[in-house]
Amino acid sequence: MSATLAHRAARASVATAIILIAIKLAAAIATGSVAMLASLTDSSIDLVASMATLFAVRFATQPADHNHRFGHGKAEALVALLQVALIAASAVAIGARALAQWRGGGPVSDAGIGIGASIAAMVATAALIAYQRHVIARTGSVAIRADYVHYQSDLAVNAAVIAALLLDQVLGLRGADALFGVGIAGWLMWGAWAASRAAVDQLMDTEWPEEKRRRFVAVASRHPELRGLHDLRTRTSGATDFAQFHIWMDPQMTVAAAHDVVAELERCLAAEFPGTEILIHIDPEGQVDEPGNPLVEADEIAKLKGTV
């Protein structure tokens, strides 16, 4: 279901980008506004990024194979970084064009066409980001999240275009259009930085947020046979979470009994953290693998209860 939702969101973003480009191209030709041109460039970049996202969510949901035993989820993060590069490049180009117009001067024309186009673009964009927000909440897709950043910023971009056209032509404040073009370029650069963080976290196998890790340990600690839990390692790849850890158990327990405990523990964790791949290693109680290494040997259950 989550893969289907991500696919639908990616297709919706491609369709929306095509509509926005058509609207803004006509308005940019009619007005000669650099702010409208900046908005058109932004939407063109959005189309390329959305097409890359569509590819990424399809590729990322392919099952694990011989060469990719952890699946293909990081394709989403790679595409998200491509989106960031495209956003940054477009921001530089927009900023340069705005500065050139600032030096050249000259008013824009037909502000009403530009304002109407921007309002229509805002309506279409608002509908898309509402759907993307729903999909992100359901799937956690980092590629859709990066696409969401694009279109969320597009609302501000279109609002800036409206303000620029009003100030430049209606109120006669020459240079306002170019000034807003520079502002839009800065906004896009900030969006690129924000979109890059989640992708880099996935590629670097950053640990889950501390609150999520604590909830995970709390669920595991409910099993009465666990004498301790250590060496917890977590990461996320695409829409899939991974967790691996060691548990201390009674050294006199049979292999069959220990297997039953682990199977029950996996069921409990899967119920609270659906879509998570879990790997559990059993140690006899008191076993120390790396003496003096708190990352490996610290008992997470004891830490949770505040007894260490």
Protein backbone atom coordinates (compact mmCIF):
# COMPACT_ATOMS: atom_id res chain seq x y z
CA MET A 1 0.00 0.00 0.00
CA SER A 2 2.77 2.49 0.90
CA ALA A 3 4.51 1.84 -2.43
CA THR A 4 1.26 2.47 -4.30
CA LEU A 5 0.70 5.74 -2.44
CA ALA A 6 4.24 6.92 -3.23
CA HIS A 7 3.76 6.08 -6.91
CA ARG A 8 0.51 8.02 -7.04
CA ALA A 9 2.07 11.04 -5.34
CA ALA A 10 5.00 10.99 -7.77
CA ARG A 11 2.66 10.83 -10.78
CA ALA A 12 0.55 13.66 -9.35
CA SER A 13 3.62 15.87 -8.94
CA VAL A 14 4.68 15.27 -12.57
CA ALA A 15 1.21 16.19 -13.83
CA THR A 16 1.08 19.28 -11.63
CA ALA A 17 4.51 20.45 -12.80
CA ILE A 18 3.44 20.22 -16.45
CA ILE A 19 0.32 22.30 -15.75
CA LEU A 20 2.32 24.92 -13.82
CA ILE A 21 4.93 25.23 -16.57
CA ALA A 22 2.25 25.88 -19.17
CA ILE A 23 0.61 28.57 -17.02
CA LYS A 24 3.86 30.31 -16.08
CA LEU A 25 5.39 30.18 -19.55
CA ALA A 26 2.46 32.07 -20.98
CA ALA A 27 2.57 34.59 -18.12
CA ALA A 28 6.37 35.09 -18.36
CA ILE A 29 6.10 35.84 -22.09
CA ALA A 30 3.22 38.26 -21.51
CA THR A 31 4.77 40.16 -18.57
CA GLY A 32 8.53 39.99 -19.05
CA SER A 33 8.78 39.67 -15.25
CA VAL A 34 12.02 38.23 -13.87
CA ALA A 35 10.12 37.06 -10.80
CA MET A 36 7.69 35.18 -13.07
CA LEU A 37 10.66 33.83 -15.03
CA ALA A 38 12.16 32.66 -11.73
CA SER A 39 8.91 30.94 -10.86
CA LEU A 40 8.82 29.31 -14.32
CA THR A 41 12.38 28.08 -13.85
CA ASP A 42 11.45 26.70 -10.45
CA SER A 43 8.55 24.75 -11.94
CA SER A 44 10.75 23.44 -14.76
CA ILE A 45 13.20 22.15 -12.19
CA ASP A 46 10.25 20.68 -10.29
CA LEU A 47 9.25 18.71 -13.39
CA VAL A 48 12.72 17.19 -13.77
CA ALA A 49 12.87 16.45 -10.05
CA SER A 50 9.37 14.95 -10.02
CA MET A 51 10.22 12.66 -12.93
CA ALA A 52 13.33 11.56 -11.05
CA THR A 53 11.18 10.98 -7.96
CA LEU A 54 8.78 8.84 -9.97
CA PHE A 55 11.70 6.68 -11.07
CA ALA A 56 13.12 6.56 -7.55
CA VAL A 57 9.96 5.39 -5.78
CA ARG A 58 9.49 2.66 -8.37
CA PHE A 59 13.08 1.48 -8.13
CA ALA A 60 13.25 1.79 -4.33
CA THR A 61 10.28 -0.53 -3.83
CA GLN A 62 11.84 -3.39 -5.77
CA PRO A 63 12.48 -6.38 -3.50
CA ALA A 64 15.94 -7.31 -2.29
CA ASP A 65 18.05 -9.23 -4.79
CA HIS A 66 21.39 -11.03 -4.83
CA ASN A 67 23.41 -7.80 -5.08
CA HIS A 68 21.17 -5.64 -2.85
CA ARG A 69 20.22 -7.77 0.14
CA PHE A 70 18.96 -4.70 2.06
CA GLY A 71 16.71 -3.68 -0.82
CA HIS A 72 16.89 -0.58 -3.03
CA GLY A 73 15.50 2.04 -0.65
CA LYS A 74 18.51 4.35 -0.82
CA ALA A 75 17.64 5.15 -4.43
CA GLU A 76 15.20 7.64 -2.93
CA ALA A 77 17.98 9.41 -1.04
CA LEU A 78 20.20 9.55 -4.13
CA VAL A 79 17.41 11.11 -6.18
CA ALA A 80 16.68 13.54 -3.35
CA LEU A 81 20.29 14.75 -3.59
CA LEU A 82 19.86 15.16 -7.35
CA GLN A 83 16.82 17.32 -6.62
CA VAL A 84 18.90 19.41 -4.22
CA ALA A 85 21.56 19.97 -6.89
CA LEU A 86 18.92 21.05 -9.41
CA ILE A 87 17.32 23.45 -6.93
CA ALA A 88 20.68 25.02 -6.10
CA ALA A 89 21.61 25.43 -9.76
CA SER A 90 18.28 27.07 -10.57
CA ALA A 91 18.67 29.42 -7.59
CA VAL A 92 22.05 30.62 -8.87
CA ALA A 93 20.65 31.19 -12.37
CA ILE A 94 17.62 33.07 -11.05
CA GLY A 95 19.77 35.26 -8.82
CA ALA A 96 22.06 36.16 -11.72
CA ARG A 97 19.10 37.01 -13.97
CA ALA A 98 17.52 39.17 -11.27
CA LEU A 99 20.74 41.11 -10.69
CA ALA A 100 21.07 41.69 -14.42
CA GLN A 101 17.56 43.12 -14.58
CA TRP A 102 18.26 45.26 -11.52
CA ARG A 103 21.13 46.91 -13.38
CA GLY A 104 19.15 47.19 -16.61
CA GLY A 105 15.96 48.53 -15.03
CA GLY A 106 12.66 48.73 -16.90
CA PRO A 107 9.12 47.93 -15.76
CA VAL A 108 7.17 44.75 -16.32
CA SER A 109 3.92 44.73 -18.31
CA ASP A 110 0.49 43.14 -18.00
CA ALA A 111 0.73 42.55 -14.26
CA GLY A 112 -2.84 41.25 -14.19
CA ILE A 113 -1.90 38.26 -16.34
CA GLY A 114 1.02 37.44 -14.07
CA ILE A 115 -1.06 37.78 -10.92
CA GLY A 116 -3.84 35.60 -12.31
CA ALA A 117 -1.35 32.94 -13.39
CA SER A 118 0.27 32.95 -9.96
CA ILE A 119 -3.06 32.52 -8.20
CA ALA A 120 -3.97 29.60 -10.47
CA ALA A 121 -0.56 28.05 -9.79
CA MET A 122 -1.03 28.44 -6.03
CA VAL A 123 -4.38 26.62 -6.13
CA ALA A 124 -2.90 23.69 -8.06
CA THR A 125 0.17 23.55 -5.83
CA ALA A 126 -1.85 23.68 -2.61
CA ALA A 127 -3.89 20.67 -3.73
CA LEU A 128 -0.73 18.71 -4.55
CA ILE A 129 1.12 19.42 -1.30
CA ALA A 130 -1.96 18.46 0.74
CA TYR A 131 -1.88 15.06 -0.96
CA GLN A 132 1.89 14.76 -0.59
CA ARG A 133 1.63 15.51 3.13
CA HIS A 134 -0.83 12.63 3.47
CA VAL A 135 1.46 10.26 1.56
CA ILE A 136 4.56 11.24 3.57
CA ALA A 137 2.69 10.57 6.82
CA ARG A 138 1.74 7.12 5.54
CA THR A 139 5.00 6.08 3.86
CA GLY A 140 7.86 8.22 5.20
CA SER A 141 9.24 8.44 1.63
CA VAL A 142 12.30 10.71 1.59
CA ALA A 143 11.97 11.29 -2.17
CA ILE A 144 8.36 12.43 -1.84
CA ARG A 145 9.44 14.59 1.11
CA ALA A 146 12.07 16.32 -1.06
CA ASP A 147 9.45 16.82 -3.78
CA TYR A 148 7.13 18.22 -1.12
CA VAL A 149 9.77 20.81 -0.20
CA HIS A 150 9.84 21.95 -3.83
CA TYR A 151 6.12 22.49 -4.06
CA GLN A 152 5.78 23.91 -0.57
CA SER A 153 8.30 26.59 -1.49
CA ASP A 154 6.40 27.14 -4.73
CA LEU A 155 3.54 28.65 -2.74
CA ALA A 156 5.88 31.28 -1.34
CA VAL A 157 7.45 31.80 -4.77
CA ASN A 158 4.07 32.52 -6.35
CA ALA A 159 3.11 34.85 -3.50
CA ALA A 160 6.41 36.68 -4.05
CA VAL A 161 5.65 36.99 -7.78
CA ILE A 162 2.28 38.58 -7.01
CA ALA A 163 3.89 41.02 -4.60
CA ALA A 164 6.65 41.84 -7.06
CA LEU A 165 4.21 42.58 -9.89
CA LEU A 166 2.00 44.74 -7.68
CA LEU A 167 4.91 46.76 -6.35
CA ASP A 168 6.66 47.14 -9.70
CA GLN A 169 3.80 47.99 -12.03
CA VAL A 170 0.79 48.96 -9.92
CA LEU A 171 2.66 51.01 -7.27
CA GLY A 172 5.52 52.02 -9.54
CA LEU A 173 8.33 50.78 -7.32
CA ARG A 174 10.93 50.06 -10.00
CA GLY A 175 13.35 47.29 -9.14
CA ALA A 176 10.89 45.44 -6.90
CA ASP A 177 10.55 42.65 -9.47
CA ALA A 178 14.32 42.09 -9.55
CA LEU A 179 14.55 42.33 -5.77
CA PHE A 180 11.94 39.62 -5.33
CA GLY A 181 13.80 37.52 -7.91
CA VAL A 182 16.86 37.63 -5.66
CA GLY A 183 14.69 36.77 -2.66
CA ILE A 184 13.22 33.76 -4.48
CA ALA A 185 16.74 32.55 -5.32
CA GLY A 186 17.67 32.76 -1.65
CA TRP A 187 14.51 30.90 -0.67
CA LEU A 188 15.32 28.10 -3.10
CA MET A 189 18.84 27.75 -1.69
CA TRP A 190 17.40 27.40 1.80
CA GLY A 191 14.95 24.78 0.51
CA ALA A 192 17.83 22.87 -1.06
CA TRP A 193 19.67 22.79 2.27
CA ALA A 194 16.56 21.60 4.12
CA ALA A 195 15.81 18.88 1.56
CA SER A 196 19.38 17.57 1.67
CA ARG A 197 19.42 16.72 5.37
CA ALA A 198 17.04 13.75 5.33
CA ALA A 199 18.73 12.29 2.24
CA VAL A 200 22.21 12.60 3.75
CA ASP A 201 20.98 11.05 7.00
CA GLN A 202 19.79 7.97 5.09
CA LEU A 203 22.96 7.65 3.03
CA MET A 204 25.08 7.97 6.19
CA ASP A 205 22.92 5.44 8.09
CA THR A 206 22.10 7.97 10.79
CA GLU A 207 20.43 6.48 13.87
CA TRP A 208 16.71 6.89 14.48
CA PRO A 209 15.63 9.90 16.54
CA GLU A 210 16.24 9.31 20.25
CA GLU A 211 12.53 9.29 21.09
CA LYS A 212 11.90 6.51 18.55
CA ARG A 213 14.83 4.48 19.84
CA ARG A 214 13.52 4.79 23.40
CA ARG A 215 10.07 3.60 22.33
CA PHE A 216 11.66 0.64 20.57
CA VAL A 217 13.61 -0.36 23.68
CA ALA A 218 10.51 0.14 25.84
CA VAL A 219 8.52 -2.33 23.72
CA ALA A 220 11.34 -4.88 23.77
CA SER A 221 11.78 -4.55 27.54
CA ARG A 222 8.24 -5.84 28.17
CA HIS A 223 9.31 -9.42 27.43
CA PRO A 224 10.00 -11.14 30.77
CA GLU A 225 12.80 -13.38 29.45
CA LEU A 226 15.08 -10.49 28.47
CA ARG A 227 17.92 -9.88 30.94
CA GLY A 228 19.28 -6.93 28.96
CA LEU A 229 19.51 -5.36 25.50
CA HIS A 230 22.67 -3.82 24.04
CA ASP A 231 24.44 -2.88 20.81
CA LEU A 232 21.24 -1.44 19.33
CA ARG A 233 21.86 -0.15 15.81
CA THR A 234 19.14 1.50 13.73
CA ARG A 235 18.87 3.09 10.31
CA THR A 236 16.38 3.89 7.55
CA SER A 237 16.53 3.11 3.85
CA GLY A 238 13.72 4.53 1.74
CA ALA A 239 10.48 3.64 3.48
CA THR A 240 12.04 0.70 5.38
CA ASP A 241 13.50 0.85 8.88
CA PHE A 242 16.21 -1.52 10.09
CA ALA A 243 17.08 -2.44 13.69
CA GLN A 244 19.59 -4.93 15.03
CA PHE A 245 20.62 -5.63 18.62
CA HIS A 246 21.93 -8.17 21.12
CA ILE A 247 19.90 -9.51 24.03
CA TRP A 248 21.04 -11.21 27.23
CA MET A 249 19.18 -14.38 28.12
CA ASP A 250 19.43 -17.24 30.59
CA PRO A 251 22.54 -19.23 29.51
CA GLN A 252 20.80 -22.48 30.51
CA MET A 253 17.89 -21.92 28.10
CA THR A 254 17.61 -24.38 25.21
CA VAL A 255 18.04 -23.23 21.62
CA ALA A 256 14.38 -24.03 20.92
CA ALA A 257 13.18 -22.00 23.89
CA ALA A 258 15.44 -19.07 22.98
CA HIS A 259 14.10 -19.19 19.43
CA ASP A 260 10.54 -18.94 20.72
CA VAL A 261 11.45 -15.90 22.83
CA VAL A 262 13.05 -14.16 19.86
CA ALA A 263 10.08 -14.96 17.60
CA GLU A 264 7.65 -13.53 20.15
CA LEU A 265 9.83 -10.44 20.60
CA GLU A 266 9.91 -9.88 16.83
CA ARG A 267 6.10 -10.12 16.67
CA CYS A 268 5.71 -7.54 19.43
CA LEU A 269 8.14 -5.13 17.81
CA ALA A 270 6.60 -5.61 14.35
CA ALA A 271 3.18 -4.69 15.75
CA GLU A 272 4.52 -1.39 17.14
CA PHE A 273 6.99 -0.66 14.31
CA PRO A 274 5.46 -2.04 11.10
CA GLY A 275 7.75 -2.26 8.09
CA THR A 276 10.87 -2.62 10.22
CA GLU A 277 13.38 -5.37 9.48
CA ILE A 278 14.72 -6.72 12.77
CA LEU A 279 17.86 -8.77 13.43
CA ILE A 280 18.41 -10.15 16.96
CA HIS A 281 21.55 -11.78 18.32
CA ILE A 282 21.37 -13.82 21.54
CA ASP A 283 24.11 -13.60 24.18
CA PRO A 284 24.28 -15.53 27.45
CA GLU A 285 23.63 -13.18 30.35
CA GLY A 286 26.84 -11.37 31.34
CA GLN A 287 28.59 -11.89 27.99
CA VAL A 288 30.88 -8.95 27.12
CA ASP A 289 31.97 -8.66 23.48
CA GLU A 290 33.84 -5.34 23.53
CA PRO A 291 34.87 -4.38 27.07
CA GLY A 292 34.90 -0.64 27.66
CA ASN A 293 32.87 0.23 24.54
CA PRO A 294 29.62 1.89 25.74
CA LEU A 295 28.19 1.96 22.22
CA VAL A 296 28.21 -1.83 22.23
CA GLU A 297 27.93 -2.90 25.85
CA ALA A 298 25.62 -0.32 27.47
CA ASP A 299 22.36 -2.00 28.53
CA GLU A 300 19.61 -0.03 26.76
CA ILE A 301 16.88 -1.36 29.06
CA ALA A 302 18.80 -0.28 32.17
CA LYS A 303 19.39 3.16 30.59
CA LEU A 304 15.68 3.46 29.85
CA LYS A 305 14.80 2.67 33.46
CA GLY A 306 17.49 5.01 34.77
CA THR A 307 19.38 2.31 36.63
CA VAL A 308 22.76 3.03 35.03
